[in-house]
Amino acid sequence: MTLLKDVRGPWRIIQQGGTVLDVNVFNQDKGGFIDGTIRHGNNTVNIEDARVTQTQITFRAPWSPNSKGRYTGHFDIQGITFDELHTGNQATWATPDKLFGDVEF
């Protein structure tokens, strides 16, 4: 059996500076791989290269051909994001409205 954090469903990321992102994870498997979407304003993209464990989550948001956000966080839950194409662009983020429970596969 594998114990992971359950990140399925809708939840919200608040980035440093107040940027709000809406995440919806619609599939999570026993390997910790997740599928879903992330939305900023009118721009909704599929999350890529996404994985969750008992202690952390990581995924990519391909916002445009020139901007690919990498999100990595720990389940206190606070994280950091940076643009994979412009690594100097960084921000912290949190999910203040969501407590992530455990799921056993």
Protein backbone atom coordinates (compact mmCIF):
# COMPACT_ATOMS: atom_id res chain seq x y z
CA MET A 1 0.00 0.00 0.00
CA THR A 2 1.09 3.55 -0.75
CA LEU A 3 0.13 6.55 1.39
CA LEU A 4 0.02 9.88 -0.45
CA LYS A 5 -1.50 13.28 0.14
CA ASP A 6 -4.87 13.52 -1.60
CA VAL A 7 -4.75 16.57 -3.90
CA ARG A 8 -7.79 15.67 -6.01
CA GLY A 9 -10.48 18.25 -6.62
CA PRO A 10 -10.42 22.04 -6.78
CA TRP A 11 -8.09 24.18 -4.69
CA ARG A 12 -6.50 27.59 -4.85
CA ILE A 13 -2.92 28.85 -4.89
CA ILE A 14 -2.13 32.35 -3.68
CA GLN A 15 1.23 33.52 -5.00
CA GLN A 16 3.46 36.16 -3.48
CA GLY A 17 2.06 39.52 -4.55
CA GLY A 18 -1.54 38.24 -4.45
CA THR A 19 -1.82 36.38 -7.77
CA VAL A 20 -4.64 33.81 -7.49
CA LEU A 21 -4.49 30.51 -9.37
CA ASP A 22 -7.26 27.90 -9.44
CA VAL A 23 -6.13 24.27 -9.59
CA ASN A 24 -8.36 21.28 -10.34
CA VAL A 25 -6.81 17.81 -10.03
CA PHE A 26 -9.12 15.24 -11.60
CA ASN A 27 -6.89 12.16 -11.47
CA GLN A 28 -4.32 10.85 -9.00
CA ASP A 29 -2.86 7.36 -9.26
CA LYS A 30 -1.00 5.09 -6.83
CA GLY A 31 2.33 6.21 -8.26
CA GLY A 32 1.53 9.77 -7.25
CA PHE A 33 1.11 11.01 -10.81
CA ILE A 34 -1.63 13.62 -11.17
CA ASP A 35 -3.61 15.16 -14.03
CA GLY A 36 -5.47 18.42 -13.87
CA THR A 37 -5.68 22.04 -14.86
CA ILE A 38 -4.53 25.38 -13.49
CA ARG A 39 -6.20 28.71 -14.28
CA HIS A 40 -5.04 32.29 -14.04
CA GLY A 41 -7.72 34.73 -15.17
CA ASN A 42 -8.99 33.49 -18.54
CA ASN A 43 -5.93 31.30 -19.19
CA THR A 44 -6.46 27.61 -18.29
CA VAL A 45 -3.74 25.07 -19.05
CA ASN A 46 -3.17 21.39 -18.31
CA ILE A 47 -0.60 20.77 -15.62
CA GLU A 48 2.39 18.71 -16.78
CA ASP A 49 5.13 16.61 -15.20
CA ALA A 50 3.01 16.45 -12.04
CA ARG A 51 3.61 14.28 -9.01
CA VAL A 52 2.59 14.13 -5.37
CA THR A 53 4.07 12.23 -2.42
CA GLN A 54 3.24 12.21 1.29
CA THR A 55 5.41 15.30 1.79
CA GLN A 56 5.47 17.34 -1.43
CA ILE A 57 3.89 18.23 -4.76
CA THR A 58 5.50 19.37 -8.00
CA PHE A 59 4.07 20.28 -11.40
CA ARG A 60 4.61 22.48 -14.45
CA ALA A 61 2.17 25.04 -15.80
CA PRO A 62 2.90 25.81 -19.48
CA TRP A 63 1.45 29.32 -19.46
CA SER A 64 2.80 30.16 -22.91
CA PRO A 65 5.63 29.12 -25.25
CA ASN A 66 7.81 31.64 -23.39
CA SER A 67 6.71 30.88 -19.82
CA LYS A 68 6.62 27.50 -18.11
CA GLY A 69 6.00 27.78 -14.39
CA ARG A 70 7.43 25.05 -12.15
CA TYR A 71 5.55 24.73 -8.85
CA THR A 72 7.06 22.79 -5.96
CA GLY A 73 5.64 22.76 -2.46
CA HIS A 74 5.60 20.94 0.85
CA PHE A 75 2.45 20.00 2.71
CA ASP A 76 2.53 22.64 5.37
CA ILE A 77 1.68 23.77 2.35
CA GLN A 78 3.96 26.41 1.11
CA GLY A 79 6.02 26.41 -1.99
CA ILE A 80 8.07 28.21 -4.55
CA THR A 81 7.45 28.73 -8.22
CA PHE A 82 9.86 29.77 -10.92
CA ASP A 83 9.76 30.11 -14.69
CA GLU A 84 11.76 27.22 -16.17
CA LEU A 85 12.73 29.43 -19.13
CA HIS A 86 13.59 32.49 -16.98
CA THR A 87 14.75 31.07 -13.65
CA GLY A 88 15.25 34.50 -12.09
CA ASN A 89 11.46 34.91 -12.05
CA GLN A 90 10.44 33.36 -8.71
CA ALA A 91 7.62 33.68 -6.20
CA THR A 92 6.49 31.89 -3.07
CA TRP A 93 2.98 30.41 -2.87
CA ALA A 94 0.57 28.87 -0.39
CA THR A 95 -2.82 27.13 -0.30
CA PRO A 96 -4.42 28.78 2.73
CA ASP A 97 -7.95 27.45 2.13
CA LYS A 98 -7.16 23.74 1.67
CA LEU A 99 -6.10 21.03 4.08
CA PHE A 100 -4.85 17.99 2.23
CA GLY A 101 -5.73 14.63 3.75
CA ASP A 102 -4.14 11.26 3.08
CA VAL A 103 -5.19 8.67 0.52
CA GLU A 104 -4.05 5.05 0.52
CA PHE A 105 -3.65 3.08 -2.70
